[in-house]
Amino acid sequence: MKASVLLFLWLSFLFHTSSCSSAVVVNNAATTNSITQQTAENQNPGNVSDQSSQTVKGSPSQNPQDVVLFDGKNYIKKTGWRVPSRKEAFIEESTEGRSPREGRTSTGKQVKTTTTQYIYKTPWHYSQDFYFDGPDLDYMEGNLEAGYFLEISVDGKVFMYMISGRKIVPPSTSNSYHEDPFVYEIQDNNGDGILETLVGGKAFGETIVPNWVLN
């Protein structure tokens, strides 16, 4: 009888130990599967792509050439400022055949320039794409419209545009959709066809002619 009881207790111990070991194995497997699944999700290319796109969207400017640099006088954008569109524009008759006006190079040499004025039948709506770390170019941000512009050249070589623009703003209580108009000048300083220079810090009407137009 005593031997039977001891055998029964021994068999119960073996069964309990086996059950616990199985549970541990199952739990370990479940934990491993969970970790593996989570790791796989974190390495999923789709998730990585989504995170990358959010980073791109959050960046102020992905193209370093769109960053405007101030050289102490002018604002330089390597990709160029928007050139006025001639679409829906016509030449002001009074500027056709106008006598050339005097300009000068940076070294002081006098140069005769030709100015042609274009007027839009309907305003030209546009915007500039740039990043500038400062408040000086606030008036150039957002949506703009231009009613006319001047094209300035030497011997047919266009090197500057003088643009009359104004910023379009949301309607206010006074039903005004625009801020006050302003005039700005963009210039091609090296003859590559890119109007990279937003002219500043000079007397209005003073035309600085780049040397490349003389070649």
N, C-alpha and C. Protein backbone atom coordinates (compact mmCIF):
# COMPACT_ATOMS: atom_id res chain seq x y z
N MET A 1 0.82 -1.20 0.00
CA MET A 1 0.00 0.00 0.00
C MET A 1 0.85 1.24 0.00
N LYS A 2 1.85 1.26 0.87
CA LYS A 2 2.75 2.42 0.94
C LYS A 2 3.48 2.61 -0.37
N ALA A 3 3.89 1.51 -1.00
CA ALA A 3 4.58 1.60 -2.29
C ALA A 3 3.67 2.15 -3.37
N SER A 4 2.39 1.78 -3.32
CA SER A 4 1.42 2.28 -4.31
C SER A 4 1.24 3.79 -4.20
N VAL A 5 1.18 4.26 -2.94
CA VAL A 5 1.03 5.71 -2.72
C VAL A 5 2.24 6.45 -3.25
N LEU A 6 3.42 5.94 -2.98
CA LEU A 6 4.64 6.59 -3.45
C LEU A 6 4.69 6.62 -4.97
N LEU A 7 4.24 5.54 -5.62
CA LEU A 7 4.23 5.50 -7.09
C LEU A 7 3.26 6.53 -7.67
N PHE A 8 2.10 6.62 -6.99
CA PHE A 8 1.10 7.60 -7.44
C PHE A 8 1.64 9.03 -7.35
N LEU A 9 2.27 9.35 -6.21
CA LEU A 9 2.82 10.69 -6.01
C LEU A 9 3.92 10.98 -7.03
N TRP A 10 4.74 9.97 -7.33
CA TRP A 10 5.85 10.17 -8.30
C TRP A 10 5.32 10.44 -9.70
N LEU A 11 4.26 9.69 -10.10
CA LEU A 11 3.65 9.89 -11.42
C LEU A 11 2.98 11.27 -11.52
N SER A 12 2.33 11.70 -10.41
CA SER A 12 1.70 13.04 -10.40
C SER A 12 2.76 14.12 -10.56
N PHE A 13 3.90 13.96 -9.92
CA PHE A 13 4.99 14.95 -10.01
C PHE A 13 5.52 15.05 -11.44
N LEU A 14 5.67 13.84 -12.09
CA LEU A 14 6.16 13.85 -13.46
C LEU A 14 5.17 14.54 -14.40
N PHE A 15 3.88 14.30 -14.23
CA PHE A 15 2.85 14.92 -15.07
C PHE A 15 2.83 16.43 -14.90
N HIS A 16 2.92 16.90 -13.64
CA HIS A 16 2.90 18.34 -13.35
C HIS A 16 4.11 19.04 -13.96
N THR A 17 5.27 18.38 -13.82
CA THR A 17 6.50 18.96 -14.37
C THR A 17 6.43 19.05 -15.89
N SER A 18 5.89 18.01 -16.51
CA SER A 18 5.76 18.01 -17.98
C SER A 18 4.82 19.09 -18.45
N SER A 19 3.71 19.30 -17.74
CA SER A 19 2.73 20.33 -18.11
C SER A 19 3.34 21.71 -18.00
N CYS A 20 4.08 21.96 -16.92
CA CYS A 20 4.71 23.27 -16.73
C CYS A 20 5.73 23.53 -17.81
N SER A 21 6.50 22.50 -18.17
CA SER A 21 7.52 22.68 -19.20
C SER A 21 6.88 23.01 -20.53
N SER A 22 5.73 22.35 -20.84
CA SER A 22 5.04 22.63 -22.10
C SER A 22 4.53 24.05 -22.14
N ALA A 23 4.00 24.53 -20.99
CA ALA A 23 3.48 25.89 -20.92
C ALA A 23 4.59 26.90 -21.15
N VAL A 24 5.76 26.62 -20.54
CA VAL A 24 6.90 27.52 -20.71
C VAL A 24 7.31 27.57 -22.16
N VAL A 25 7.35 26.39 -22.83
CA VAL A 25 7.74 26.34 -24.22
C VAL A 25 6.75 27.12 -25.08
N VAL A 26 5.46 26.93 -24.82
CA VAL A 26 4.42 27.64 -25.60
C VAL A 26 4.53 29.14 -25.40
N ASN A 27 4.69 29.56 -24.14
CA ASN A 27 4.79 31.00 -23.85
C ASN A 27 6.03 31.60 -24.50
N ASN A 28 7.14 30.88 -24.43
CA ASN A 28 8.36 31.38 -25.07
C ASN A 28 8.18 31.51 -26.57
N ALA A 29 7.49 30.55 -27.16
CA ALA A 29 7.26 30.60 -28.61
C ALA A 29 6.38 31.78 -28.97
N ALA A 30 5.33 32.02 -28.14
CA ALA A 30 4.44 33.15 -28.41
C ALA A 30 5.19 34.46 -28.30
N THR A 31 6.04 34.57 -27.27
CA THR A 31 6.82 35.80 -27.09
C THR A 31 7.77 36.01 -28.25
N THR A 32 8.42 34.92 -28.69
CA THR A 32 9.35 35.01 -29.81
C THR A 32 8.64 35.44 -31.08
N ASN A 33 7.45 34.85 -31.34
CA ASN A 33 6.68 35.22 -32.53
C ASN A 33 6.27 36.68 -32.49
N SER A 34 5.87 37.15 -31.27
CA SER A 34 5.46 38.55 -31.12
C SER A 34 6.61 39.48 -31.42
N ILE A 35 7.79 39.16 -30.87
CA ILE A 35 8.97 40.01 -31.09
C ILE A 35 9.36 40.01 -32.56
N THR A 36 9.31 38.80 -33.16
CA THR A 36 9.67 38.68 -34.58
C THR A 36 8.73 39.49 -35.45
N GLN A 37 7.41 39.40 -35.14
CA GLN A 37 6.42 40.15 -35.92
C GLN A 37 6.62 41.64 -35.77
N GLN A 38 6.88 42.10 -34.54
CA GLN A 38 7.09 43.53 -34.30
C GLN A 38 8.33 44.02 -35.01
N THR A 39 9.40 43.23 -34.98
CA THR A 39 10.64 43.60 -35.66
C THR A 39 10.41 43.69 -37.16
N ALA A 40 9.65 42.74 -37.70
CA ALA A 40 9.37 42.74 -39.14
C ALA A 40 8.56 43.96 -39.53
N GLU A 41 7.60 44.35 -38.67
CA GLU A 41 6.79 45.54 -38.96
C GLU A 41 7.65 46.79 -38.95
N ASN A 42 8.58 46.85 -38.00
CA ASN A 42 9.46 48.03 -37.92
C ASN A 42 10.38 48.12 -39.12
N GLN A 43 10.71 46.94 -39.72
CA GLN A 43 11.61 46.93 -40.87
C GLN A 43 10.86 46.93 -42.19
N ASN A 44 9.54 47.01 -42.12
CA ASN A 44 8.71 47.02 -43.34
C ASN A 44 9.05 48.22 -44.19
N PRO A 45 9.46 48.04 -45.45
CA PRO A 45 9.83 49.17 -46.32
C PRO A 45 8.73 50.20 -46.44
N GLY A 46 7.46 49.74 -46.36
CA GLY A 46 6.36 50.70 -46.48
C GLY A 46 6.35 51.67 -45.33
N ASN A 47 6.60 51.16 -44.10
CA ASN A 47 6.63 52.05 -42.95
C ASN A 47 7.79 53.00 -43.02
N VAL A 48 8.96 52.52 -43.47
CA VAL A 48 10.14 53.38 -43.59
C VAL A 48 9.87 54.48 -44.61
N SER A 49 9.23 54.11 -45.70
CA SER A 49 8.93 55.08 -46.74
C SER A 49 8.00 56.16 -46.23
N ASP A 50 6.98 55.75 -45.44
CA ASP A 50 6.05 56.72 -44.89
C ASP A 50 6.77 57.71 -43.99
N GLN A 51 7.68 57.20 -43.15
CA GLN A 51 8.42 58.08 -42.26
C GLN A 51 9.31 59.03 -43.04
N SER A 52 9.91 58.54 -44.13
CA SER A 52 10.79 59.38 -44.94
C SER A 52 10.00 60.49 -45.60
N SER A 53 8.79 60.17 -46.11
CA SER A 53 8.01 61.18 -46.79
C SER A 53 7.58 62.26 -45.83
N GLN A 54 7.30 61.89 -44.58
CA GLN A 54 6.92 62.91 -43.61
C GLN A 54 8.10 63.83 -43.32
N THR A 55 9.29 63.24 -43.28
CA THR A 55 10.47 64.06 -43.05
C THR A 55 10.68 65.05 -44.20
N VAL A 56 10.47 64.55 -45.43
CA VAL A 56 10.64 65.41 -46.60
C VAL A 56 9.65 66.56 -46.56
N LYS A 57 8.39 66.25 -46.24
CA LYS A 57 7.37 67.28 -46.21
C LYS A 57 7.66 68.32 -45.14
N GLY A 58 8.32 67.89 -44.06
CA GLY A 58 8.57 68.82 -42.97
C GLY A 58 9.76 69.72 -43.21
N SER A 59 10.56 69.45 -44.23
CA SER A 59 11.74 70.25 -44.49
C SER A 59 11.37 71.54 -45.22
N PRO A 60 11.96 72.69 -44.86
CA PRO A 60 11.60 73.96 -45.50
C PRO A 60 12.01 74.02 -46.96
N SER A 61 13.12 73.40 -47.31
CA SER A 61 13.57 73.43 -48.70
C SER A 61 14.51 72.26 -48.95
N GLN A 62 14.13 71.35 -49.86
CA GLN A 62 14.96 70.19 -50.13
C GLN A 62 16.09 70.53 -51.09
N ASN A 63 15.93 71.59 -51.86
CA ASN A 63 16.94 71.98 -52.83
C ASN A 63 17.74 73.15 -52.26
N PRO A 64 19.02 72.94 -51.93
CA PRO A 64 19.79 74.04 -51.35
C PRO A 64 19.89 75.25 -52.27
N GLN A 65 19.64 75.04 -53.58
CA GLN A 65 19.70 76.17 -54.50
C GLN A 65 18.50 77.09 -54.33
N ASP A 66 17.43 76.63 -53.67
CA ASP A 66 16.26 77.45 -53.44
C ASP A 66 16.42 78.33 -52.20
N VAL A 67 17.51 78.13 -51.47
CA VAL A 67 17.78 78.97 -50.30
C VAL A 67 18.36 80.29 -50.78
N VAL A 68 17.73 81.39 -50.37
CA VAL A 68 18.18 82.72 -50.79
C VAL A 68 19.31 83.19 -49.89
N LEU A 69 20.37 83.69 -50.51
CA LEU A 69 21.52 84.23 -49.78
C LEU A 69 21.57 85.74 -49.96
N PHE A 70 21.81 86.44 -48.89
CA PHE A 70 21.93 87.90 -48.93
C PHE A 70 23.40 88.27 -48.93
N ASP A 71 23.84 89.00 -49.96
CA ASP A 71 25.25 89.33 -50.08
C ASP A 71 25.59 90.70 -49.49
N GLY A 72 24.67 91.24 -48.72
CA GLY A 72 24.87 92.56 -48.14
C GLY A 72 24.14 93.64 -48.91
N LYS A 73 23.70 93.30 -50.13
CA LYS A 73 22.98 94.27 -50.96
C LYS A 73 21.85 93.62 -51.75
N ASN A 74 22.13 92.47 -52.34
CA ASN A 74 21.15 91.78 -53.18
C ASN A 74 20.79 90.41 -52.59
N TYR A 75 19.69 89.85 -53.09
CA TYR A 75 19.21 88.55 -52.64
C TYR A 75 19.39 87.54 -53.77
N ILE A 76 20.23 86.54 -53.55
CA ILE A 76 20.65 85.62 -54.60
C ILE A 76 19.94 84.27 -54.43
N LYS A 77 19.27 83.84 -55.49
CA LYS A 77 18.63 82.53 -55.53
C LYS A 77 19.16 81.80 -56.76
N LYS A 78 19.93 80.73 -56.57
CA LYS A 78 20.65 80.10 -57.68
C LYS A 78 19.72 79.55 -58.76
N THR A 79 18.55 79.05 -58.37
CA THR A 79 17.63 78.52 -59.37
C THR A 79 16.90 79.62 -60.12
N GLY A 80 17.01 80.85 -59.64
CA GLY A 80 16.41 81.98 -60.35
C GLY A 80 15.04 82.38 -59.83
N TRP A 81 14.76 83.67 -59.88
CA TRP A 81 13.45 84.21 -59.56
C TRP A 81 12.53 84.07 -60.78
N ARG A 82 11.25 84.01 -60.54
CA ARG A 82 10.30 83.80 -61.63
C ARG A 82 10.39 84.95 -62.64
N VAL A 83 10.54 84.57 -63.91
CA VAL A 83 10.60 85.55 -65.01
C VAL A 83 9.17 85.85 -65.46
N PRO A 84 8.84 87.09 -65.71
CA PRO A 84 7.48 87.43 -66.13
C PRO A 84 7.07 86.67 -67.39
N SER A 85 5.82 86.27 -67.42
CA SER A 85 5.27 85.57 -68.57
C SER A 85 4.75 86.59 -69.58
N ARG A 86 5.06 86.35 -70.86
CA ARG A 86 4.56 87.24 -71.91
C ARG A 86 3.15 86.82 -72.38
N LYS A 87 2.68 85.70 -71.88
CA LYS A 87 1.35 85.24 -72.26
C LYS A 87 0.30 86.24 -71.78
N GLU A 88 -0.60 86.58 -72.66
CA GLU A 88 -1.67 87.55 -72.36
C GLU A 88 -1.13 88.95 -72.07
N ALA A 89 0.10 89.22 -72.54
CA ALA A 89 0.68 90.55 -72.35
C ALA A 89 0.90 91.20 -73.71
N PHE A 90 0.82 92.53 -73.75
CA PHE A 90 1.09 93.24 -74.99
C PHE A 90 2.05 94.40 -74.71
N ILE A 91 2.76 94.81 -75.74
CA ILE A 91 3.75 95.87 -75.58
C ILE A 91 3.06 97.23 -75.55
N GLU A 92 3.42 98.02 -74.58
CA GLU A 92 2.91 99.39 -74.50
C GLU A 92 3.48 100.18 -75.68
N GLU A 93 2.60 100.76 -76.48
CA GLU A 93 3.04 101.44 -77.71
C GLU A 93 4.03 102.56 -77.44
N SER A 94 3.87 103.24 -76.36
CA SER A 94 4.74 104.39 -76.08
C SER A 94 6.18 103.97 -75.82
N THR A 95 6.41 102.69 -75.55
CA THR A 95 7.78 102.24 -75.30
C THR A 95 8.45 101.71 -76.56
N GLU A 96 7.71 101.49 -77.63
CA GLU A 96 8.30 101.01 -78.87
C GLU A 96 9.11 102.12 -79.52
N GLY A 97 10.34 101.83 -79.81
CA GLY A 97 11.19 102.83 -80.43
C GLY A 97 11.65 103.92 -79.48
N ARG A 98 11.46 103.72 -78.19
CA ARG A 98 11.87 104.72 -77.21
C ARG A 98 13.39 104.88 -77.24
N SER A 99 13.84 106.11 -77.07
CA SER A 99 15.28 106.37 -77.06
C SER A 99 15.94 105.61 -75.91
N PRO A 100 17.08 104.99 -76.17
CA PRO A 100 17.76 104.25 -75.11
C PRO A 100 18.07 105.14 -73.91
N ARG A 101 17.98 104.57 -72.73
CA ARG A 101 18.33 105.32 -71.52
C ARG A 101 19.73 104.92 -71.09
N GLU A 102 20.31 105.75 -70.27
CA GLU A 102 21.67 105.50 -69.82
C GLU A 102 21.70 104.55 -68.63
N GLY A 103 22.62 103.61 -68.70
CA GLY A 103 22.91 102.74 -67.57
C GLY A 103 24.41 102.76 -67.37
N ARG A 104 24.87 102.05 -66.39
CA ARG A 104 26.31 102.00 -66.17
C ARG A 104 26.68 100.64 -65.59
N THR A 105 27.91 100.24 -65.84
CA THR A 105 28.40 98.99 -65.29
C THR A 105 28.86 99.20 -63.85
N SER A 106 29.23 98.13 -63.20
CA SER A 106 29.69 98.24 -61.81
C SER A 106 30.99 99.02 -61.71
N THR A 107 31.71 99.11 -62.85
CA THR A 107 32.96 99.88 -62.86
C THR A 107 32.74 101.33 -63.28
N GLY A 108 31.47 101.68 -63.57
CA GLY A 108 31.15 103.07 -63.89
C GLY A 108 31.07 103.39 -65.36
N LYS A 109 31.24 102.41 -66.24
CA LYS A 109 31.18 102.66 -67.68
C LYS A 109 29.74 102.91 -68.11
N GLN A 110 29.51 103.96 -68.89
CA GLN A 110 28.17 104.30 -69.37
C GLN A 110 27.75 103.37 -70.50
N VAL A 111 26.51 102.90 -70.43
CA VAL A 111 25.97 101.97 -71.42
C VAL A 111 24.55 102.39 -71.76
N LYS A 112 24.21 102.34 -73.05
CA LYS A 112 22.84 102.65 -73.47
C LYS A 112 21.99 101.39 -73.37
N THR A 113 20.87 101.48 -72.66
CA THR A 113 19.97 100.35 -72.49
C THR A 113 18.62 100.65 -73.16
N THR A 114 17.92 99.59 -73.51
CA THR A 114 16.59 99.71 -74.11
C THR A 114 15.56 99.11 -73.17
N THR A 115 14.47 99.86 -72.95
CA THR A 115 13.41 99.40 -72.05
C THR A 115 12.11 99.22 -72.83
N THR A 116 11.51 98.04 -72.67
CA THR A 116 10.22 97.75 -73.29
C THR A 116 9.23 97.40 -72.19
N GLN A 117 8.06 98.02 -72.23
CA GLN A 117 7.05 97.77 -71.20
C GLN A 117 5.97 96.84 -71.74
N TYR A 118 5.65 95.82 -70.94
CA TYR A 118 4.58 94.88 -71.26
C TYR A 118 3.44 95.06 -70.26
N ILE A 119 2.22 95.09 -70.77
CA ILE A 119 1.04 95.22 -69.93
C ILE A 119 0.18 93.97 -70.09
N TYR A 120 -0.32 93.45 -68.99
CA TYR A 120 -1.15 92.25 -69.03
C TYR A 120 -2.61 92.60 -69.30
N LYS A 121 -3.23 91.81 -70.18
CA LYS A 121 -4.68 91.96 -70.39
C LYS A 121 -5.42 91.54 -69.13
N THR A 122 -4.98 90.45 -68.55
CA THR A 122 -5.44 90.03 -67.22
C THR A 122 -4.20 89.81 -66.38
N PRO A 123 -4.25 90.12 -65.08
CA PRO A 123 -3.04 90.04 -64.24
C PRO A 123 -2.39 88.67 -64.28
N TRP A 124 -1.07 88.68 -64.22
CA TRP A 124 -0.28 87.45 -64.16
C TRP A 124 -0.21 87.00 -62.71
N HIS A 125 -0.77 85.83 -62.41
CA HIS A 125 -0.74 85.28 -61.06
C HIS A 125 0.39 84.26 -60.95
N TYR A 126 1.16 84.38 -59.91
CA TYR A 126 2.33 83.51 -59.75
C TYR A 126 2.76 83.50 -58.29
N SER A 127 3.78 82.70 -58.01
CA SER A 127 4.37 82.67 -56.67
C SER A 127 5.84 82.32 -56.80
N GLN A 128 6.59 82.67 -55.78
CA GLN A 128 8.02 82.36 -55.74
C GLN A 128 8.22 81.18 -54.80
N ASP A 129 9.17 80.31 -55.13
CA ASP A 129 9.48 79.16 -54.29
C ASP A 129 10.90 79.34 -53.74
N PHE A 130 10.99 79.68 -52.47
CA PHE A 130 12.32 79.92 -51.89
C PHE A 130 12.25 79.81 -50.37
N TYR A 131 13.43 79.73 -49.75
CA TYR A 131 13.53 79.74 -48.31
C TYR A 131 14.56 80.79 -47.91
N PHE A 132 14.15 81.70 -47.04
CA PHE A 132 15.05 82.76 -46.59
C PHE A 132 14.92 82.90 -45.09
N ASP A 133 16.04 82.83 -44.40
CA ASP A 133 16.05 82.91 -42.93
C ASP A 133 16.07 84.37 -42.49
N GLY A 134 14.94 85.02 -42.61
CA GLY A 134 14.84 86.42 -42.23
C GLY A 134 13.52 87.01 -42.69
N PRO A 135 13.15 88.19 -42.18
CA PRO A 135 11.86 88.79 -42.51
C PRO A 135 11.88 89.71 -43.74
N ASP A 136 13.05 89.96 -44.32
CA ASP A 136 13.17 90.99 -45.35
C ASP A 136 12.40 90.67 -46.63
N LEU A 137 12.13 89.40 -46.90
CA LEU A 137 11.46 89.02 -48.15
C LEU A 137 10.02 88.56 -47.93
N ASP A 138 9.41 88.99 -46.85
CA ASP A 138 8.03 88.60 -46.57
C ASP A 138 7.10 88.99 -47.72
N TYR A 139 7.36 90.12 -48.34
CA TYR A 139 6.48 90.61 -49.40
C TYR A 139 6.54 89.73 -50.65
N MET A 140 7.59 88.90 -50.77
CA MET A 140 7.73 88.03 -51.94
C MET A 140 7.15 86.63 -51.71
N GLU A 141 6.69 86.35 -50.50
CA GLU A 141 6.15 85.04 -50.19
C GLU A 141 4.66 84.98 -50.50
N GLY A 142 4.18 83.77 -50.76
CA GLY A 142 2.76 83.59 -51.01
C GLY A 142 2.39 83.85 -52.47
N ASN A 143 1.11 84.14 -52.70
CA ASN A 143 0.60 84.37 -54.05
C ASN A 143 0.72 85.83 -54.45
N LEU A 144 1.22 86.06 -55.66
CA LEU A 144 1.43 87.42 -56.16
C LEU A 144 0.68 87.61 -57.48
N GLU A 145 0.51 88.86 -57.86
CA GLU A 145 0.00 89.16 -59.18
C GLU A 145 0.72 90.39 -59.72
N ALA A 146 0.89 90.44 -61.03
CA ALA A 146 1.57 91.56 -61.68
C ALA A 146 0.67 92.11 -62.78
N GLY A 147 0.64 93.44 -62.89
CA GLY A 147 -0.15 94.08 -63.93
C GLY A 147 0.69 94.45 -65.14
N TYR A 148 1.98 94.69 -64.91
CA TYR A 148 2.88 95.03 -66.01
C TYR A 148 4.32 94.77 -65.58
N PHE A 149 5.23 94.79 -66.56
CA PHE A 149 6.64 94.67 -66.25
C PHE A 149 7.45 95.35 -67.35
N LEU A 150 8.68 95.71 -67.00
CA LEU A 150 9.62 96.31 -67.94
C LEU A 150 10.73 95.31 -68.24
N GLU A 151 11.08 95.22 -69.51
CA GLU A 151 12.17 94.36 -69.95
C GLU A 151 13.33 95.27 -70.37
N ILE A 152 14.48 95.09 -69.77
CA ILE A 152 15.62 95.97 -70.02
C ILE A 152 16.74 95.16 -70.66
N SER A 153 17.28 95.70 -71.75
CA SER A 153 18.28 94.97 -72.53
C SER A 153 19.35 95.90 -73.08
N VAL A 154 20.42 95.32 -73.58
CA VAL A 154 21.48 96.03 -74.29
C VAL A 154 21.78 95.25 -75.56
N ASP A 155 21.58 95.89 -76.71
CA ASP A 155 21.79 95.23 -78.00
C ASP A 155 21.02 93.91 -78.11
N GLY A 156 19.80 93.90 -77.62
CA GLY A 156 18.96 92.72 -77.69
C GLY A 156 19.20 91.69 -76.60
N LYS A 157 20.18 91.91 -75.75
CA LYS A 157 20.49 90.98 -74.67
C LYS A 157 19.73 91.41 -73.40
N VAL A 158 18.72 90.63 -73.03
CA VAL A 158 17.90 90.96 -71.85
C VAL A 158 18.65 90.55 -70.58
N PHE A 159 18.83 91.50 -69.69
CA PHE A 159 19.54 91.20 -68.45
C PHE A 159 18.73 91.55 -67.21
N MET A 160 17.58 92.22 -67.38
CA MET A 160 16.83 92.65 -66.20
C MET A 160 15.34 92.76 -66.50
N TYR A 161 14.53 92.46 -65.47
CA TYR A 161 13.09 92.73 -65.51
C TYR A 161 12.73 93.56 -64.29
N MET A 162 11.95 94.60 -64.51
CA MET A 162 11.40 95.40 -63.43
C MET A 162 9.90 95.08 -63.38
N ILE A 163 9.44 94.54 -62.28
CA ILE A 163 8.09 93.99 -62.18
C ILE A 163 7.26 94.76 -61.16
N SER A 164 6.07 95.11 -61.56
CA SER A 164 5.12 95.73 -60.64
C SER A 164 4.19 94.64 -60.12
N GLY A 165 4.33 94.29 -58.87
CA GLY A 165 3.53 93.21 -58.31
C GLY A 165 2.86 93.64 -57.03
N ARG A 166 2.00 92.77 -56.56
CA ARG A 166 1.41 92.96 -55.25
C ARG A 166 0.97 91.62 -54.72
N LYS A 167 0.93 91.52 -53.42
CA LYS A 167 0.63 90.26 -52.76
C LYS A 167 -0.87 90.07 -52.63
N ILE A 168 -1.33 88.87 -52.97
CA ILE A 168 -2.74 88.54 -52.81
C ILE A 168 -2.94 87.99 -51.40
N VAL A 169 -3.86 88.59 -50.67
CA VAL A 169 -4.12 88.16 -49.30
C VAL A 169 -5.58 87.74 -49.17
N PRO A 170 -5.90 86.92 -48.15
CA PRO A 170 -7.29 86.51 -47.95
C PRO A 170 -8.19 87.72 -47.74
N PRO A 171 -9.46 87.62 -48.12
CA PRO A 171 -10.38 88.75 -47.94
C PRO A 171 -10.52 89.12 -46.47
N SER A 172 -10.57 90.40 -46.21
CA SER A 172 -10.72 90.89 -44.84
C SER A 172 -12.11 91.52 -44.68
N THR A 173 -12.31 92.13 -43.55
CA THR A 173 -13.62 92.76 -43.31
C THR A 173 -13.86 93.91 -44.26
N SER A 174 -12.78 94.46 -44.81
CA SER A 174 -12.93 95.58 -45.75
C SER A 174 -13.04 95.09 -47.19
N ASN A 175 -13.08 93.74 -47.36
CA ASN A 175 -13.19 93.13 -48.69
C ASN A 175 -11.99 93.45 -49.58
N SER A 176 -10.85 93.70 -48.96
CA SER A 176 -9.63 93.97 -49.72
C SER A 176 -8.87 92.67 -49.91
N TYR A 177 -8.56 92.35 -51.17
CA TYR A 177 -7.89 91.09 -51.47
C TYR A 177 -6.40 91.28 -51.73
N HIS A 178 -5.91 92.50 -51.66
CA HIS A 178 -4.52 92.74 -52.02
C HIS A 178 -3.87 93.71 -51.04
N GLU A 179 -2.56 93.56 -50.92
CA GLU A 179 -1.80 94.56 -50.20
C GLU A 179 -1.33 95.62 -51.19
N ASP A 180 -0.64 96.62 -50.70
CA ASP A 180 -0.18 97.70 -51.57
C ASP A 180 0.79 97.16 -52.62
N PRO A 181 0.73 97.71 -53.84
CA PRO A 181 1.65 97.26 -54.89
C PRO A 181 3.08 97.68 -54.60
N PHE A 182 4.03 96.98 -55.20
CA PHE A 182 5.44 97.29 -55.05
C PHE A 182 6.14 96.97 -56.36
N VAL A 183 7.33 97.49 -56.53
CA VAL A 183 8.13 97.23 -57.72
C VAL A 183 9.45 96.60 -57.29
N TYR A 184 9.83 95.55 -57.99
CA TYR A 184 11.11 94.92 -57.69
C TYR A 184 11.81 94.57 -59.00
N GLU A 185 13.12 94.36 -58.92
CA GLU A 185 13.93 94.08 -60.11
C GLU A 185 14.68 92.76 -59.93
N ILE A 186 14.69 91.96 -60.99
CA ILE A 186 15.49 90.74 -61.00
C ILE A 186 16.48 90.84 -62.16
N GLN A 187 17.65 90.27 -61.96
CA GLN A 187 18.73 90.48 -62.93
C GLN A 187 19.56 89.22 -63.13
N ASP A 188 20.05 89.06 -64.37
CA ASP A 188 20.98 87.98 -64.73
C ASP A 188 22.38 88.58 -64.71
N ASN A 189 23.15 88.22 -63.70
CA ASN A 189 24.47 88.86 -63.53
C ASN A 189 25.60 88.20 -64.30
N ASN A 190 25.39 86.96 -64.78
CA ASN A 190 26.50 86.26 -65.44
C ASN A 190 26.18 85.78 -66.84
N GLY A 191 25.00 86.06 -67.36
CA GLY A 191 24.68 85.73 -68.74
C GLY A 191 24.27 84.29 -68.98
N ASP A 192 23.91 83.55 -67.93
CA ASP A 192 23.51 82.15 -68.12
C ASP A 192 22.01 81.99 -68.36
N GLY A 193 21.29 83.12 -68.44
CA GLY A 193 19.86 83.07 -68.68
C GLY A 193 19.02 82.90 -67.43
N ILE A 194 19.66 82.79 -66.27
CA ILE A 194 18.94 82.64 -65.00
C ILE A 194 18.92 83.98 -64.28
N LEU A 195 17.73 84.47 -63.95
CA LEU A 195 17.61 85.74 -63.24
C LEU A 195 17.75 85.44 -61.74
N GLU A 196 18.97 85.30 -61.30
CA GLU A 196 19.24 84.85 -59.94
C GLU A 196 19.28 85.95 -58.90
N THR A 197 19.36 87.20 -59.33
CA THR A 197 19.58 88.31 -58.40
C THR A 197 18.33 89.17 -58.25
N LEU A 198 17.84 89.25 -57.01
CA LEU A 198 16.78 90.20 -56.67
C LEU A 198 17.49 91.45 -56.17
N VAL A 199 17.39 92.51 -56.94
CA VAL A 199 18.19 93.72 -56.68
C VAL A 199 17.65 94.46 -55.46
N GLY A 200 18.56 94.92 -54.63
CA GLY A 200 18.19 95.71 -53.46
C GLY A 200 19.28 96.69 -53.11
N GLY A 201 18.97 97.65 -52.27
CA GLY A 201 19.96 98.56 -51.76
C GLY A 201 20.53 99.55 -52.75
N LYS A 202 19.68 100.02 -53.68
CA LYS A 202 20.16 101.03 -54.63
C LYS A 202 19.06 102.06 -54.87
N ALA A 203 19.46 103.18 -55.45
CA ALA A 203 18.48 104.22 -55.75
C ALA A 203 17.54 103.73 -56.84
N PHE A 204 16.24 104.02 -56.70
CA PHE A 204 15.26 103.59 -57.68
C PHE A 204 15.55 104.21 -59.04
N GLY A 205 15.50 103.38 -60.08
CA GLY A 205 15.73 103.89 -61.43
C GLY A 205 17.18 103.83 -61.86
N GLU A 206 18.08 103.50 -60.93
CA GLU A 206 19.49 103.37 -61.29
C GLU A 206 19.73 101.96 -61.82
N THR A 207 20.15 101.86 -63.08
CA THR A 207 20.34 100.56 -63.71
C THR A 207 21.82 100.18 -63.73
N ILE A 208 22.15 99.08 -63.05
CA ILE A 208 23.51 98.57 -63.06
C ILE A 208 23.59 97.49 -64.13
N VAL A 209 24.37 97.71 -65.16
CA VAL A 209 24.47 96.79 -66.28
C VAL A 209 25.58 95.78 -66.03
N PRO A 210 25.30 94.48 -66.11
CA PRO A 210 26.37 93.48 -65.92
C PRO A 210 27.34 93.48 -67.09
N ASN A 211 28.56 93.15 -66.84
CA ASN A 211 29.60 93.24 -67.86
C ASN A 211 29.38 92.27 -69.03
N TRP A 212 28.67 91.16 -68.82
CA TRP A 212 28.55 90.16 -69.88
C TRP A 212 27.80 90.68 -71.10
N VAL A 213 26.93 91.69 -70.93
CA VAL A 213 26.18 92.20 -72.09
C VAL A 213 27.08 92.99 -73.04
N LEU A 214 28.26 93.36 -72.61
CA LEU A 214 29.17 94.14 -73.45
C LEU A 214 30.02 93.25 -74.35
N ASN A 215 30.00 91.95 -74.12
CA ASN A 215 30.83 91.02 -74.92
C ASN A 215 30.17 90.68 -76.24
